[in-house]
Structures are given as structure tokens and as C-alpha cells.
C-alpha atoms as a PDB file:
ATOM      1  CA  UNK A   1     -36.105 225.038 -54.244  1.00  0.00           C
ATOM      2  CA  UNK A   2     -38.225 222.065 -53.100  1.00  0.00           C
ATOM      3  CA  UNK A   3     -40.533 222.178 -50.107  1.00  0.00           C
ATOM      4  CA  UNK A   4     -37.953 220.104 -48.220  1.00  0.00           C
ATOM      5  CA  UNK A   5     -35.299 222.687 -49.114  1.00  0.00           C
ATOM      6  CA  UNK A   6     -37.518 225.507 -47.894  1.00  0.00           C
ATOM      7  CA  UNK A   7     -38.123 223.636 -44.651  1.00  0.00           C
ATOM      8  CA  UNK A   8     -34.415 223.021 -44.128  1.00  0.00           C
ATOM      9  CA  UNK A   9     -33.732 226.750 -44.634  1.00  0.00           C
ATOM     10  CA  UNK A  10     -36.369 227.592 -42.014  1.00  0.00           C
ATOM     11  CA  UNK A  11     -34.981 225.089 -39.510  1.00  0.00           C
ATOM     12  CA  UNK A  12     -31.400 226.281 -40.024  1.00  0.00           C
ATOM     13  CA  UNK A  13     -32.408 229.923 -39.549  1.00  0.00           C
ATOM     14  CA  UNK A  14     -34.358 229.061 -36.398  1.00  0.00           C
ATOM     15  CA  UNK A  15     -31.514 227.016 -34.898  1.00  0.00           C
ATOM     16  CA  UNK A  16     -29.001 229.748 -35.765  1.00  0.00           C
ATOM     17  CA  UNK A  17     -31.055 232.133 -33.622  1.00  0.00           C
ATOM     18  CA  UNK A  18     -31.274 229.659 -30.722  1.00  0.00           C
ATOM     19  CA  UNK A  19     -35.060 229.391 -30.960  1.00  0.00           C
ATOM     20  CA  UNK A  20     -37.309 226.419 -30.259  1.00  0.00           C
ATOM     21  CA  UNK A  21     -40.587 225.709 -32.002  1.00  0.00           C
ATOM     22  CA  UNK A  22     -42.339 226.704 -28.761  1.00  0.00           C
ATOM     23  CA  UNK A  23     -40.601 230.077 -28.904  1.00  0.00           C
ATOM     24  CA  UNK A  24     -41.830 230.608 -32.460  1.00  0.00           C
ATOM     25  CA  UNK A  25     -45.351 229.458 -31.558  1.00  0.00           C
ATOM     26  CA  UNK A  26     -45.467 231.980 -28.701  1.00  0.00           C
ATOM     27  CA  UNK A  27     -44.391 234.887 -30.918  1.00  0.00           C
ATOM     28  CA  UNK A  28     -46.217 234.042 -34.167  1.00  0.00           C
ATOM     29  CA  UNK A  29     -49.311 232.229 -32.789  1.00  0.00           C
ATOM     30  CA  UNK A  30     -48.762 229.415 -35.292  1.00  0.00           C
ATOM     31  CA  UNK A  31     -49.183 225.942 -33.771  1.00  0.00           C
ATOM     32  CA  UNK A  32     -45.974 223.897 -33.417  1.00  0.00           C
ATOM     33  CA  UNK A  33     -47.735 221.196 -35.424  1.00  0.00           C
ATOM     34  CA  UNK A  34     -47.825 223.446 -38.487  1.00  0.00           C
ATOM     35  CA  UNK A  35     -44.368 224.931 -37.859  1.00  0.00           C
ATOM     36  CA  UNK A  36     -42.950 221.408 -37.834  1.00  0.00           C
ATOM     37  CA  UNK A  37     -44.878 220.593 -41.021  1.00  0.00           C
ATOM     38  CA  UNK A  38     -43.320 223.599 -42.762  1.00  0.00           C
ATOM     39  CA  UNK A  39     -39.825 222.587 -41.667  1.00  0.00           C
ATOM     40  CA  UNK A  40     -40.379 218.966 -42.749  1.00  0.00           C
ATOM     41  CA  UNK A  41     -41.882 220.004 -46.106  1.00  0.00           C
ATOM     42  CA  UNK A  42     -45.140 218.168 -45.314  1.00  0.00           C
ATOM     43  CA  UNK A  43     -47.537 220.818 -46.581  1.00  0.00           C
ATOM     44  CA  UNK A  44     -50.306 218.224 -46.923  1.00  0.00           C
ATOM     45  CA  UNK A  45     -50.769 218.449 -43.134  1.00  0.00           C
ATOM     46  CA  UNK A  46     -52.022 222.030 -43.499  1.00  0.00           C
ATOM     47  CA  UNK A  47     -55.801 222.367 -44.042  1.00  0.00           C
ATOM     48  CA  UNK A  48     -55.595 224.381 -47.286  1.00  0.00           C
ATOM     49  CA  UNK A  49     -53.030 226.136 -49.557  1.00  0.00           C
ATOM     50  CA  UNK A  50     -53.929 229.522 -48.081  1.00  0.00           C
ATOM     51  CA  UNK A  51     -52.660 228.294 -44.703  1.00  0.00           C
ATOM     52  CA  UNK A  52     -49.345 227.252 -46.253  1.00  0.00           C
ATOM     53  CA  UNK A  53     -48.878 230.712 -47.791  1.00  0.00           C
ATOM     54  CA  UNK A  54     -49.950 232.576 -44.649  1.00  0.00           C
ATOM     55  CA  UNK A  55     -47.854 230.540 -42.231  1.00  0.00           C
ATOM     56  CA  UNK A  56     -44.816 230.380 -44.536  1.00  0.00           C
ATOM     57  CA  UNK A  57     -44.875 234.151 -45.032  1.00  0.00           C
ATOM     58  CA  UNK A  58     -45.163 234.832 -41.295  1.00  0.00           C
ATOM     59  CA  UNK A  59     -42.548 232.237 -40.284  1.00  0.00           C
ATOM     60  CA  UNK A  60     -39.956 233.363 -42.868  1.00  0.00           C
ATOM     61  CA  UNK A  61     -40.497 237.030 -42.020  1.00  0.00           C
ATOM     62  CA  UNK A  62     -40.154 236.252 -38.302  1.00  0.00           C
ATOM     63  CA  UNK A  63     -36.762 234.616 -38.964  1.00  0.00           C
ATOM     64  CA  UNK A  64     -35.573 237.591 -41.008  1.00  0.00           C
ATOM     65  CA  UNK A  65     -35.688 235.692 -44.325  1.00  0.00           C
ATOM     66  CA  UNK A  66     -37.065 236.841 -47.677  1.00  0.00           C
ATOM     67  CA  UNK A  67     -40.719 235.965 -47.033  1.00  0.00           C
ATOM     68  CA  UNK A  68     -41.911 236.776 -50.562  1.00  0.00           C
ATOM     69  CA  UNK A  69     -39.288 234.487 -52.109  1.00  0.00           C
ATOM     70  CA  UNK A  70     -40.238 231.606 -49.815  1.00  0.00           C
ATOM     71  CA  UNK A  71     -43.950 231.991 -50.615  1.00  0.00           C
ATOM     72  CA  UNK A  72     -43.274 232.162 -54.361  1.00  0.00           C
ATOM     73  CA  UNK A  73     -41.506 228.789 -54.252  1.00  0.00           C
ATOM     74  CA  UNK A  74     -44.490 226.988 -52.737  1.00  0.00           C
ATOM     75  CA  UNK A  75     -46.357 224.603 -55.069  1.00  0.00           C
ATOM     76  CA  UNK A  76     -49.099 226.425 -56.979  1.00  0.00           C
ATOM     77  CA  UNK A  77     -47.993 229.864 -55.791  1.00  0.00           C
ATOM     78  CA  UNK A  78     -49.247 232.789 -57.841  1.00  0.00           C
ATOM     79  CA  UNK A  79     -46.857 235.527 -58.926  1.00  0.00           C
ATOM     80  CA  UNK A  80     -46.818 238.614 -56.760  1.00  0.00           C
ATOM     81  CA  UNK A  81     -48.893 241.383 -58.395  1.00  0.00           C
ATOM     82  CA  UNK A  82     -46.901 244.175 -59.989  1.00  0.00           C
ATOM     83  CA  UNK A  83     -48.283 247.567 -59.080  1.00  0.00           C
ATOM     84  CA  UNK A  84     -48.257 250.167 -61.891  1.00  0.00           C
ATOM     85  CA  UNK A  85     -46.321 253.367 -61.216  1.00  0.00           C
ATOM     86  CA  UNK A  86     -48.351 256.163 -59.689  1.00  0.00           C
ATOM     87  CA  UNK A  87     -49.136 259.061 -62.031  1.00  0.00           C
ATOM     88  CA  UNK A  88     -47.535 262.406 -61.397  1.00  0.00           C
ATOM     89  CA  UNK A  89     -49.758 264.610 -59.290  1.00  0.00           C
ATOM     90  CA  UNK A  90     -49.370 268.367 -59.557  1.00  0.00           C
ATOM     91  CA  UNK A  91     -50.872 270.585 -56.895  1.00  0.00           C
ATOM     92  CA  UNK A  92     -53.298 273.118 -58.242  1.00  0.00           C
ATOM     93  CA  UNK A  93     -52.668 276.679 -57.124  1.00  0.00           C
ATOM     94  CA  UNK A  94     -55.196 277.744 -54.491  1.00  0.00           C
ATOM     95  CA  UNK A  95     -56.424 274.149 -53.867  1.00  0.00           C
ATOM     96  CA  UNK A  96     -55.568 273.224 -50.250  1.00  0.00           C
ATOM     97  CA  UNK A  97     -54.528 269.628 -49.576  1.00  0.00           C
ATOM     98  CA  UNK A  98     -55.550 267.682 -46.476  1.00  0.00           C
ATOM     99  CA  UNK A  99     -52.576 267.243 -44.185  1.00  0.00           C
ATOM    100  CA  UNK A 100     -51.410 263.627 -43.882  1.00  0.00           C
ATOM    101  CA  UNK A 101     -51.037 264.095 -40.137  1.00  0.00           C
ATOM    102  CA  UNK A 102     -54.740 264.964 -39.838  1.00  0.00           C
ATOM    103  CA  UNK A 103     -55.675 261.838 -41.809  1.00  0.00           C
ATOM    104  CA  UNK A 104     -53.523 259.640 -39.551  1.00  0.00           C
ATOM    105  CA  UNK A 105     -54.998 261.300 -36.465  1.00  0.00           C
ATOM    106  CA  UNK A 106     -58.501 260.576 -37.737  1.00  0.00           C
ATOM    107  CA  UNK A 107     -57.715 256.873 -38.269  1.00  0.00           C
ATOM    108  CA  UNK A 108     -56.214 256.610 -34.783  1.00  0.00           C
ATOM    109  CA  UNK A 109     -59.297 258.203 -33.221  1.00  0.00           C
ATOM    110  CA  UNK A 110     -61.611 255.757 -35.029  1.00  0.00           C
ATOM    111  CA  UNK A 111     -59.538 252.757 -33.909  1.00  0.00           C
ATOM    112  CA  UNK A 112     -59.513 253.975 -30.297  1.00  0.00           C
ATOM    113  CA  UNK A 113     -63.300 254.350 -30.370  1.00  0.00           C
ATOM    114  CA  UNK A 114     -63.722 250.802 -31.742  1.00  0.00           C
ATOM    115  CA  UNK A 115     -61.404 249.320 -29.116  1.00  0.00           C
ATOM    116  CA  UNK A 116     -63.113 251.294 -26.357  1.00  0.00           C
ATOM    117  CA  UNK A 117     -66.594 250.089 -27.322  1.00  0.00           C
ATOM    118  CA  UNK A 118     -65.483 246.445 -27.567  1.00  0.00           C
ATOM    119  CA  UNK A 119     -63.663 246.473 -24.224  1.00  0.00           C
ATOM    120  CA  UNK A 120     -66.570 248.319 -22.570  1.00  0.00           C
ATOM    121  CA  UNK A 121     -69.087 245.661 -23.605  1.00  0.00           C
ATOM    122  CA  UNK A 122     -66.744 242.738 -22.987  1.00  0.00           C
ATOM    123  CA  UNK A 123     -66.449 243.847 -19.359  1.00  0.00           C
ATOM    124  CA  UNK A 124     -70.203 244.086 -18.845  1.00  0.00           C
ATOM    125  CA  UNK A 125     -70.675 247.817 -19.376  1.00  0.00           C
ATOM    126  CA  UNK A 126     -73.658 249.527 -20.891  1.00  0.00           C
ATOM    127  CA  UNK A 127     -76.316 249.484 -18.173  1.00  0.00           C
ATOM    128  CA  UNK A 128     -79.972 250.173 -18.725  1.00  0.00           C
ATOM    129  CA  UNK A 129     -79.536 253.851 -17.782  1.00  0.00           C
ATOM    130  CA  UNK A 130     -77.504 254.542 -20.906  1.00  0.00           C
ATOM    131  CA  UNK A 131     -78.448 252.045 -23.569  1.00  0.00           C
ATOM    132  CA  UNK A 132     -76.098 251.795 -26.506  1.00  0.00           C
ATOM    133  CA  UNK A 133     -76.857 249.973 -29.721  1.00  0.00           C
ATOM    134  CA  UNK A 134     -74.019 247.644 -30.637  1.00  0.00           C
ATOM    135  CA  UNK A 135     -73.649 244.906 -33.194  1.00  0.00           C
ATOM    136  CA  UNK A 136     -74.086 241.353 -31.857  1.00  0.00           C
ATOM    137  CA  UNK A 137     -70.746 239.494 -31.789  1.00  0.00           C
ATOM    138  CA  UNK A 138     -70.295 236.927 -34.495  1.00  0.00           C
ATOM    139  CA  UNK A 139     -70.452 233.304 -33.229  1.00  0.00           C
ATOM    140  CA  UNK A 140     -67.108 231.530 -33.011  1.00  0.00           C
ATOM    141  CA  UNK A 141     -68.509 228.008 -33.453  1.00  0.00           C
ATOM    142  CA  UNK A 142     -68.027 227.131 -29.802  1.00  0.00           C
ATOM    143  CA  UNK A 143     -64.248 227.506 -29.666  1.00  0.00           C
ATOM    144  CA  UNK A 144     -63.072 228.126 -26.111  1.00  0.00           C
ATOM    145  CA  UNK A 145     -59.721 228.661 -24.399  1.00  0.00           C
ATOM    146  CA  UNK A 146     -56.793 230.959 -24.951  1.00  0.00           C
ATOM    147  CA  UNK A 147     -54.288 228.491 -26.473  1.00  0.00           C
ATOM    148  CA  UNK A 148     -53.379 228.843 -30.195  1.00  0.00           C
ATOM    149  CA  UNK A 149     -56.006 226.904 -32.181  1.00  0.00           C
ATOM    150  CA  UNK A 150     -55.191 223.493 -33.653  1.00  0.00           C
ATOM    151  CA  UNK A 151     -57.171 223.611 -36.903  1.00  0.00           C
ATOM    152  CA  UNK A 152     -58.369 220.164 -38.050  1.00  0.00           C
ATOM    153  CA  UNK A 153     -57.948 219.220 -41.686  1.00  0.00           C
ATOM    154  CA  UNK A 154     -61.699 219.233 -42.288  1.00  0.00           C
ATOM    155  CA  UNK A 155     -62.242 222.885 -41.229  1.00  0.00           C
ATOM    156  CA  UNK A 156     -62.192 225.524 -42.524  1.00  0.00           C
ATOM    157  CA  UNK A 157     -61.276 225.322 -46.191  1.00  0.00           C
ATOM    158  CA  UNK A 158     -59.897 227.945 -48.528  1.00  0.00           C
ATOM    159  CA  UNK A 159     -61.111 231.433 -47.616  1.00  0.00           C
ATOM    160  CA  UNK A 160     -62.998 232.597 -50.712  1.00  0.00           C
ATOM    161  CA  UNK A 161     -63.292 236.328 -51.368  1.00  0.00           C
ATOM    162  CA  UNK A 162     -65.775 237.369 -54.034  1.00  0.00           C
ATOM    163  CA  UNK A 163     -65.071 240.504 -56.019  1.00  0.00           C
ATOM    164  CA  UNK A 164     -66.768 243.535 -54.518  1.00  0.00           C
ATOM    165  CA  UNK A 165     -68.263 241.693 -51.507  1.00  0.00           C
ATOM    166  CA  UNK A 166     -67.065 241.695 -47.897  1.00  0.00           C
ATOM    167  CA  UNK A 167     -65.987 238.129 -46.982  1.00  0.00           C
ATOM    168  CA  UNK A 168     -67.090 236.256 -43.872  1.00  0.00           C
ATOM    169  CA  UNK A 169     -64.027 236.296 -41.595  1.00  0.00           C
ATOM    170  CA  UNK A 170     -65.671 234.963 -38.431  1.00  0.00           C
ATOM    171  CA  UNK A 171     -63.688 232.164 -36.722  1.00  0.00           C
ATOM    172  CA  UNK A 172     -60.875 232.469 -39.271  1.00  0.00           C
ATOM    173  CA  UNK A 173     -57.240 232.560 -38.194  1.00  0.00           C
ATOM    174  CA  UNK A 174     -55.968 236.143 -38.376  1.00  0.00           C
ATOM    175  CA  UNK A 175     -52.955 235.241 -40.552  1.00  0.00           C
ATOM    176  CA  UNK A 176     -55.149 233.406 -43.054  1.00  0.00           C
ATOM    177  CA  UNK A 177     -57.588 236.319 -43.307  1.00  0.00           C
ATOM    178  CA  UNK A 178     -54.771 238.842 -43.799  1.00  0.00           C
ATOM    179  CA  UNK A 179     -53.229 236.754 -46.579  1.00  0.00           C
ATOM    180  CA  UNK A 180     -56.560 236.298 -48.370  1.00  0.00           C
ATOM    181  CA  UNK A 181     -57.449 240.007 -48.108  1.00  0.00           C
ATOM    182  CA  UNK A 182     -54.000 240.994 -49.363  1.00  0.00           C
ATOM    183  CA  UNK A 183     -54.238 238.618 -52.329  1.00  0.00           C
ATOM    184  CA  UNK A 184     -57.661 240.085 -53.192  1.00  0.00           C
ATOM    185  CA  UNK A 185     -56.456 243.686 -52.832  1.00  0.00           C
ATOM    186  CA  UNK A 186     -58.962 244.466 -50.064  1.00  0.00           C
ATOM    187  CA  UNK A 187     -57.761 247.143 -47.571  1.00  0.00           C
ATOM    188  CA  UNK A 188     -58.060 246.174 -43.920  1.00  0.00           C
ATOM    189  CA  UNK A 189     -57.299 247.261 -40.359  1.00  0.00           C
ATOM    190  CA  UNK A 190     -56.600 244.787 -37.530  1.00  0.00           C
ATOM    191  CA  UNK A 191     -57.696 245.535 -33.951  1.00  0.00           C
ATOM    192  CA  UNK A 192     -56.550 242.988 -31.368  1.00  0.00           C
ATOM    193  CA  UNK A 193     -58.621 242.801 -28.177  1.00  0.00           C
ATOM    194  CA  UNK A 194     -58.403 240.634 -25.049  1.00  0.00           C
ATOM    195  CA  UNK A 195     -61.276 238.153 -25.305  1.00  0.00           C
ATOM    196  CA  UNK A 196     -61.215 235.136 -22.964  1.00  0.00           C
ATOM    197  CA  UNK A 197     -64.032 233.449 -24.890  1.00  0.00           C
ATOM    198  CA  UNK A 198     -62.060 233.239 -28.158  1.00  0.00           C
ATOM    199  CA  UNK A 199     -58.665 231.583 -28.785  1.00  0.00           C
ATOM    200  CA  UNK A 200     -55.710 233.870 -29.462  1.00  0.00           C
ATOM    201  CA  UNK A 201     -55.339 234.826 -33.114  1.00  0.00           C
ATOM    202  CA  UNK A 202     -58.956 234.035 -34.042  1.00  0.00           C
ATOM    203  CA  UNK A 203     -61.314 236.657 -35.549  1.00  0.00           C
ATOM    204  CA  UNK A 204     -64.571 237.150 -33.635  1.00  0.00           C
ATOM    205  CA  UNK A 205     -66.083 240.227 -35.309  1.00  0.00           C
ATOM    206  CA  UNK A 206     -65.712 242.446 -38.342  1.00  0.00           C
ATOM    207  CA  UNK A 207     -66.976 245.630 -39.952  1.00  0.00           C
ATOM    208  CA  UNK A 208     -68.662 245.860 -42.379  1.00  0.00           C
ATOM    209  CA  UNK A 209     -70.630 242.615 -42.072  1.00  0.00           C
ATOM    210  CA  UNK A 210     -70.108 239.717 -44.444  1.00  0.00           C
ATOM    211  CA  UNK A 211     -71.895 240.192 -47.766  1.00  0.00           C
ATOM    212  CA  UNK A 212     -71.726 244.000 -47.648  1.00  0.00           C
ATOM    213  CA  UNK A 213     -70.697 245.526 -51.015  1.00  0.00           C
ATOM    214  CA  UNK A 214     -67.124 246.779 -50.929  1.00  0.00           C
ATOM    215  CA  UNK A 215     -67.456 250.285 -52.309  1.00  0.00           C
ATOM    216  CA  UNK A 216     -64.481 252.526 -52.978  1.00  0.00           C
ATOM    217  CA  UNK A 217     -62.909 253.762 -49.774  1.00  0.00           C
ATOM    218  CA  UNK A 218     -64.295 251.021 -47.509  1.00  0.00           C
ATOM    219  CA  UNK A 219     -61.710 249.439 -45.208  1.00  0.00           C
ATOM    220  CA  UNK A 220     -62.513 246.114 -43.546  1.00  0.00           C
ATOM    221  CA  UNK A 221     -61.967 246.320 -39.768  1.00  0.00           C
ATOM    222  CA  UNK A 222     -61.022 242.985 -38.169  1.00  0.00           C
ATOM    223  CA  UNK A 223     -61.472 242.303 -34.450  1.00  0.00           C
ATOM    224  CA  UNK A 224     -59.240 239.432 -33.340  1.00  0.00           C
ATOM    225  CA  UNK A 225     -58.539 237.892 -29.952  1.00  0.00           C
ATOM    226  CA  UNK A 226     -55.132 238.844 -28.533  1.00  0.00           C
END
């Protein structure tokens, strides 16, 4: 299917659901400019191929279409990786296994702590009587406002992820970062926080910092404006 055919399928699905481009922009945080470009098949309007894949995947999934099939039919799309079958695991007698519920509870506790610290400092907490050491927020290149960002064609380019190194996600659109991390096989967790100084859908901090070696078991935590 051509890019025009993909765009027509998106437009037909949207109209069948009685949605406007503004409705889709509100729910997906993708600018109407880029939604219209996808429907018209004008992918050259998007800043880089990674934006086309990220926005196409999100838009098709939002409309209840086969997102993977739509992404695969984009020009220059790479085949989806095939995961090998997991080996059989037999429980050794007398070797206790960690309950999955405890693991999930631990992840939830960590996320709540991260959100609590961010909201505490965003609202001016942390007086001199109880100093707390926190990481300085990553600059967002002066972007202000809460409207979905309109990304010019000259910034930023393709998000490059080097093997074994944490990428720099600051000021990137959340959808673009998720697509790039997924393509690179890097595990991640997204925490969305109200931040009036950063546009909605834009990443303003991360852990670990950019350039940190990605050892086994490390999960990249993304803080994005909600």
C-alpha cells in the first residue's frame, strides 16, 4: 500500500468514528499539522523518519487499526524483530521463587517515590531545614507553554541510540523516544508529571543520565510533561 493509501485508510477510519483532527490531537498529543501530513501521504513534512514511524504507530493504534502493519508499509521501514521462544524453565526443588506480585509492588513503590520527589520540588518544596539532594532538571532549550509542540523541520533529527549507552532524551517528543527505545530494545518506564514550564508530551528529565552505560537490568526512567 502506498503512503497515499495508508493516509486514506487513516482518514476513513477517523471519519467513521466521527472524529476531527482536533479530537485526535487532544487525545494523542500529535499536532494536527502532522496528522494531516499522515493522511495526505506527505511524509516529507515530518522532521525525520522516526517521527513518521512513531506518529503512524500511535495514530493507527488510536483508531483501532493494525498499527504494526501500517508502520511496516512506510518507506524504509525495518522488519519487526522476531523474538526467539523462551527456554523451558523448571523450578528446582527447595529453591523459592520471588512472587510476581512482590516485584510489581516494588516497581509501583519506586515510581510513586519518583513522582513524589518531582512534584515536591516543582511546587517549591525542600526548604533549608531539610535539604535534599536532587538532580538538576535537564534544560528544555527554552520551550514554553502547554500546547502540543510544533517541531520545525530543522530540529531535532533522528534520535540516535548507541549500543550499551543511555541516549540523551531531553526535549524529545515522548512518542519519538518510545519508538527509538523500542527499536533499540532498551527497557523503559514513562512517568508523566504536570510541568507548566514544558510543553505537553515533551521529556524534561531522565534516569540514568545520558551517556551512562546500560548494564543488564537497568531500566530508563523518562519524565515527561503531562
